[in-house]
Amino acid sequence: MSQAKVDRYKEEKKNRKKIMAKEKRQWMLTQAALGLVGIAIVAWIGISAYQAFTTPPADAPVEVKNYTVDNSALDEYLDSLKEE
């Protein structure tokens, strides 16, 4: 039993750099994923708040604007072209 422990320890010691590099990569990927999730949550809250503050209430009256255009000068010009 103790020889198996010694062999396992030697294997671990031999591959320690690889194991540490793998653990460091996993840690960095975990931190990056958590950071992206955090940014997504903050952005979602910000967009929701912006929409809540800028959207008018449903019972608010809607203002309709009508515009009139005097196109008599354009009509006179087109009539003068037809006469020629």
N, C-alpha and C. Protein backbone atom coordinates (compact mmCIF):
# COMPACT_ATOMS: atom_id res chain seq x y z
N MET A 1 0.83 -1.18 0.00
CA MET A 1 0.00 0.00 0.00
C MET A 1 0.87 1.24 0.00
N SER A 2 1.87 1.29 0.80
CA SER A 2 2.68 2.49 0.87
C SER A 2 3.48 2.68 -0.41
N GLN A 3 3.86 1.59 -1.09
CA GLN A 3 4.57 1.71 -2.36
C GLN A 3 3.66 2.35 -3.41
N ALA A 4 2.38 2.03 -3.38
CA ALA A 4 1.42 2.63 -4.32
C ALA A 4 1.31 4.12 -4.06
N LYS A 5 1.30 4.53 -2.79
CA LYS A 5 1.26 5.95 -2.45
C LYS A 5 2.50 6.66 -2.95
N VAL A 6 3.65 6.03 -2.77
CA VAL A 6 4.91 6.62 -3.22
C VAL A 6 4.91 6.77 -4.73
N ASP A 7 4.44 5.75 -5.45
CA ASP A 7 4.39 5.82 -6.91
C ASP A 7 3.43 6.93 -7.37
N ARG A 8 2.29 7.03 -6.70
CA ARG A 8 1.31 8.06 -7.05
C ARG A 8 1.90 9.46 -6.80
N TYR A 9 2.62 9.62 -5.71
CA TYR A 9 3.25 10.89 -5.38
C TYR A 9 4.30 11.25 -6.42
N LYS A 10 5.10 10.25 -6.85
CA LYS A 10 6.12 10.52 -7.86
C LYS A 10 5.49 10.94 -9.19
N GLU A 11 4.39 10.29 -9.57
CA GLU A 11 3.69 10.66 -10.80
C GLU A 11 3.15 12.08 -10.71
N GLU A 12 2.56 12.39 -9.56
CA GLU A 12 2.02 13.73 -9.36
C GLU A 12 3.13 14.77 -9.40
N LYS A 13 4.24 14.46 -8.79
CA LYS A 13 5.36 15.40 -8.77
C LYS A 13 5.92 15.60 -10.17
N LYS A 14 5.95 14.51 -10.94
CA LYS A 14 6.49 14.58 -12.29
C LYS A 14 5.58 15.43 -13.20
N ASN A 15 4.28 15.37 -13.00
CA ASN A 15 3.32 16.10 -13.84
C ASN A 15 2.78 17.37 -13.17
N ARG A 16 3.46 17.83 -12.14
CA ARG A 16 2.96 18.96 -11.36
C ARG A 16 2.81 20.23 -12.21
N LYS A 17 3.75 20.51 -13.11
CA LYS A 17 3.66 21.71 -13.94
C LYS A 17 2.43 21.66 -14.84
N LYS A 18 2.19 20.50 -15.44
CA LYS A 18 1.02 20.35 -16.30
C LYS A 18 -0.27 20.49 -15.49
N ILE A 19 -0.29 19.89 -14.32
CA ILE A 19 -1.48 19.95 -13.47
C ILE A 19 -1.74 21.40 -13.04
N MET A 20 -0.70 22.10 -12.64
CA MET A 20 -0.86 23.49 -12.20
C MET A 20 -1.31 24.37 -13.37
N ALA A 21 -0.74 24.16 -14.56
CA ALA A 21 -1.14 24.94 -15.72
C ALA A 21 -2.61 24.69 -16.06
N LYS A 22 -3.04 23.43 -15.98
CA LYS A 22 -4.43 23.10 -16.26
C LYS A 22 -5.37 23.75 -15.25
N GLU A 23 -5.00 23.69 -13.98
CA GLU A 23 -5.82 24.32 -12.95
C GLU A 23 -5.89 25.83 -13.14
N LYS A 24 -4.79 26.44 -13.54
CA LYS A 24 -4.75 27.88 -13.77
C LYS A 24 -5.65 28.25 -14.96
N ARG A 25 -5.60 27.46 -16.04
CA ARG A 25 -6.46 27.69 -17.20
C ARG A 25 -7.93 27.58 -16.81
N GLN A 26 -8.26 26.55 -16.05
CA GLN A 26 -9.64 26.38 -15.62
C GLN A 26 -10.09 27.55 -14.75
N TRP A 27 -9.23 28.02 -13.88
CA TRP A 27 -9.55 29.16 -13.02
C TRP A 27 -9.80 30.41 -13.85
N MET A 28 -8.94 30.65 -14.83
CA MET A 28 -9.09 31.83 -15.68
C MET A 28 -10.37 31.75 -16.51
N LEU A 29 -10.67 30.58 -17.06
CA LEU A 29 -11.90 30.42 -17.84
C LEU A 29 -13.13 30.61 -16.96
N THR A 30 -13.07 30.13 -15.73
CA THR A 30 -14.19 30.31 -14.81
C THR A 30 -14.37 31.78 -14.50
N GLN A 31 -13.29 32.49 -14.25
CA GLN A 31 -13.38 33.93 -13.96
C GLN A 31 -13.92 34.70 -15.17
N ALA A 32 -13.47 34.33 -16.38
CA ALA A 32 -13.94 35.01 -17.59
C ALA A 32 -15.44 34.75 -17.79
N ALA A 33 -15.88 33.52 -17.58
CA ALA A 33 -17.29 33.20 -17.74
C ALA A 33 -18.13 33.95 -16.72
N LEU A 34 -17.68 34.00 -15.48
CA LEU A 34 -18.41 34.73 -14.45
C LEU A 34 -18.45 36.23 -14.76
N GLY A 35 -17.37 36.74 -15.28
CA GLY A 35 -17.33 38.15 -15.67
C GLY A 35 -18.32 38.45 -16.78
N LEU A 36 -18.38 37.59 -17.80
CA LEU A 36 -19.33 37.79 -18.89
C LEU A 36 -20.77 37.70 -18.40
N VAL A 37 -21.05 36.76 -17.51
CA VAL A 37 -22.39 36.64 -16.95
C VAL A 37 -22.74 37.90 -16.16
N GLY A 38 -21.79 38.40 -15.38
CA GLY A 38 -22.02 39.63 -14.62
C GLY A 38 -22.29 40.82 -15.52
N ILE A 39 -21.51 40.95 -16.58
CA ILE A 39 -21.72 42.05 -17.52
C ILE A 39 -23.08 41.93 -18.19
N ALA A 40 -23.46 40.71 -18.55
CA ALA A 40 -24.77 40.50 -19.19
C ALA A 40 -25.90 40.89 -18.25
N ILE A 41 -25.78 40.53 -16.98
CA ILE A 41 -26.83 40.86 -16.01
C ILE A 41 -26.93 42.37 -15.83
N VAL A 42 -25.80 43.04 -15.69
CA VAL A 42 -25.80 44.50 -15.51
C VAL A 42 -26.38 45.18 -16.75
N ALA A 43 -26.02 44.71 -17.94
CA ALA A 43 -26.56 45.29 -19.18
C ALA A 43 -28.06 45.08 -19.26
N TRP A 44 -28.52 43.90 -18.90
CA TRP A 44 -29.95 43.59 -18.93
C TRP A 44 -30.73 44.51 -17.98
N ILE A 45 -30.20 44.69 -16.79
CA ILE A 45 -30.85 45.58 -15.82
C ILE A 45 -30.86 47.02 -16.34
N GLY A 46 -29.75 47.46 -16.92
CA GLY A 46 -29.67 48.81 -17.46
C GLY A 46 -30.65 49.05 -18.60
N ILE A 47 -30.74 48.10 -19.52
CA ILE A 47 -31.67 48.23 -20.65
C ILE A 47 -33.11 48.23 -20.15
N SER A 48 -33.42 47.35 -19.21
CA SER A 48 -34.77 47.30 -18.66
C SER A 48 -35.13 48.61 -17.97
N ALA A 49 -34.22 49.16 -17.20
CA ALA A 49 -34.48 50.42 -16.52
C ALA A 49 -34.66 51.55 -17.54
N TYR A 50 -33.84 51.58 -18.56
CA TYR A 50 -33.95 52.62 -19.59
C TYR A 50 -35.32 52.55 -20.27
N GLN A 51 -35.74 51.33 -20.63
CA GLN A 51 -37.04 51.17 -21.28
C GLN A 51 -38.18 51.55 -20.33
N ALA A 52 -38.04 51.24 -19.07
CA ALA A 52 -39.09 51.57 -18.11
C ALA A 52 -39.22 53.08 -17.94
N PHE A 53 -38.13 53.82 -18.00
CA PHE A 53 -38.17 55.27 -17.80
C PHE A 53 -38.52 56.03 -19.06
N THR A 54 -38.25 55.48 -20.24
CA THR A 54 -38.47 56.22 -21.48
C THR A 54 -39.79 55.87 -22.16
N THR A 55 -40.41 54.75 -21.83
CA THR A 55 -41.67 54.36 -22.46
C THR A 55 -42.82 55.13 -21.80
N PRO A 56 -43.64 55.81 -22.61
CA PRO A 56 -44.76 56.54 -22.01
C PRO A 56 -45.82 55.56 -21.51
N PRO A 57 -46.60 55.96 -20.53
CA PRO A 57 -47.65 55.09 -20.02
C PRO A 57 -48.69 54.79 -21.10
N ALA A 58 -49.38 53.66 -20.97
CA ALA A 58 -50.35 53.24 -21.97
C ALA A 58 -51.56 54.16 -22.01
N ASP A 59 -51.93 54.78 -20.89
CA ASP A 59 -53.10 55.64 -20.86
C ASP A 59 -52.79 57.10 -21.20
N ALA A 60 -51.57 57.39 -21.58
CA ALA A 60 -51.20 58.76 -21.95
C ALA A 60 -51.81 59.11 -23.31
N PRO A 61 -52.30 60.34 -23.47
CA PRO A 61 -52.88 60.73 -24.76
C PRO A 61 -51.80 60.83 -25.83
N VAL A 62 -52.18 60.44 -27.03
CA VAL A 62 -51.24 60.46 -28.15
C VAL A 62 -51.48 61.75 -28.93
N GLU A 63 -50.42 62.49 -29.16
CA GLU A 63 -50.53 63.74 -29.89
C GLU A 63 -50.34 63.49 -31.38
N VAL A 64 -51.35 63.89 -32.16
CA VAL A 64 -51.30 63.72 -33.61
C VAL A 64 -51.04 65.08 -34.23
N LYS A 65 -50.05 65.14 -35.09
CA LYS A 65 -49.70 66.40 -35.74
C LYS A 65 -50.08 66.31 -37.22
N ASN A 66 -50.78 67.32 -37.71
CA ASN A 66 -51.14 67.41 -39.12
C ASN A 66 -50.39 68.57 -39.73
N TYR A 67 -49.88 68.35 -40.91
CA TYR A 67 -49.13 69.38 -41.61
C TYR A 67 -49.83 69.67 -42.94
N THR A 68 -49.86 70.92 -43.31
CA THR A 68 -50.40 71.31 -44.62
C THR A 68 -49.28 71.95 -45.42
N VAL A 69 -49.33 71.69 -46.70
CA VAL A 69 -48.30 72.20 -47.60
C VAL A 69 -48.99 72.98 -48.71
N ASP A 70 -48.50 74.17 -48.97
CA ASP A 70 -49.02 74.98 -50.08
C ASP A 70 -48.18 74.66 -51.31
N ASN A 71 -48.79 73.94 -52.24
CA ASN A 71 -48.05 73.57 -53.43
C ASN A 71 -48.59 74.26 -54.67
N SER A 72 -49.15 75.43 -54.48
CA SER A 72 -49.70 76.17 -55.63
C SER A 72 -48.57 76.60 -56.58
N ALA A 73 -47.43 76.96 -56.05
CA ALA A 73 -46.31 77.36 -56.91
C ALA A 73 -45.86 76.18 -57.77
N LEU A 74 -45.85 75.00 -57.20
CA LEU A 74 -45.47 73.81 -57.96
C LEU A 74 -46.50 73.51 -59.04
N ASP A 75 -47.78 73.67 -58.73
CA ASP A 75 -48.84 73.44 -59.72
C ASP A 75 -48.71 74.43 -60.88
N GLU A 76 -48.46 75.70 -60.56
CA GLU A 76 -48.30 76.71 -61.60
C GLU A 76 -47.10 76.39 -62.49
N TYR A 77 -46.02 75.95 -61.92
CA TYR A 77 -44.83 75.59 -62.69
C TYR A 77 -45.13 74.42 -63.62
N LEU A 78 -45.79 73.38 -63.09
CA LEU A 78 -46.10 72.23 -63.93
C LEU A 78 -47.08 72.60 -65.04
N ASP A 79 -48.04 73.49 -64.77
CA ASP A 79 -48.97 73.94 -65.80
C ASP A 79 -48.23 74.70 -66.89
N SER A 80 -47.25 75.50 -66.49
CA SER A 80 -46.50 76.25 -67.49
C SER A 80 -45.68 75.33 -68.37
N LEU A 81 -45.23 74.20 -67.84
CA LEU A 81 -44.48 73.23 -68.65
C LEU A 81 -45.42 72.55 -69.65
N LYS A 82 -46.65 72.29 -69.29
CA LYS A 82 -47.59 71.64 -70.18
C LYS A 82 -47.97 72.55 -71.34
N GLU A 83 -48.03 73.85 -71.11
CA GLU A 83 -48.41 74.80 -72.13
C GLU A 83 -47.34 74.93 -73.21
N GLU A 84 -46.14 74.71 -72.88
CA GLU A 84 -45.04 74.89 -73.84
C GLU A 84 -44.92 73.79 -74.78
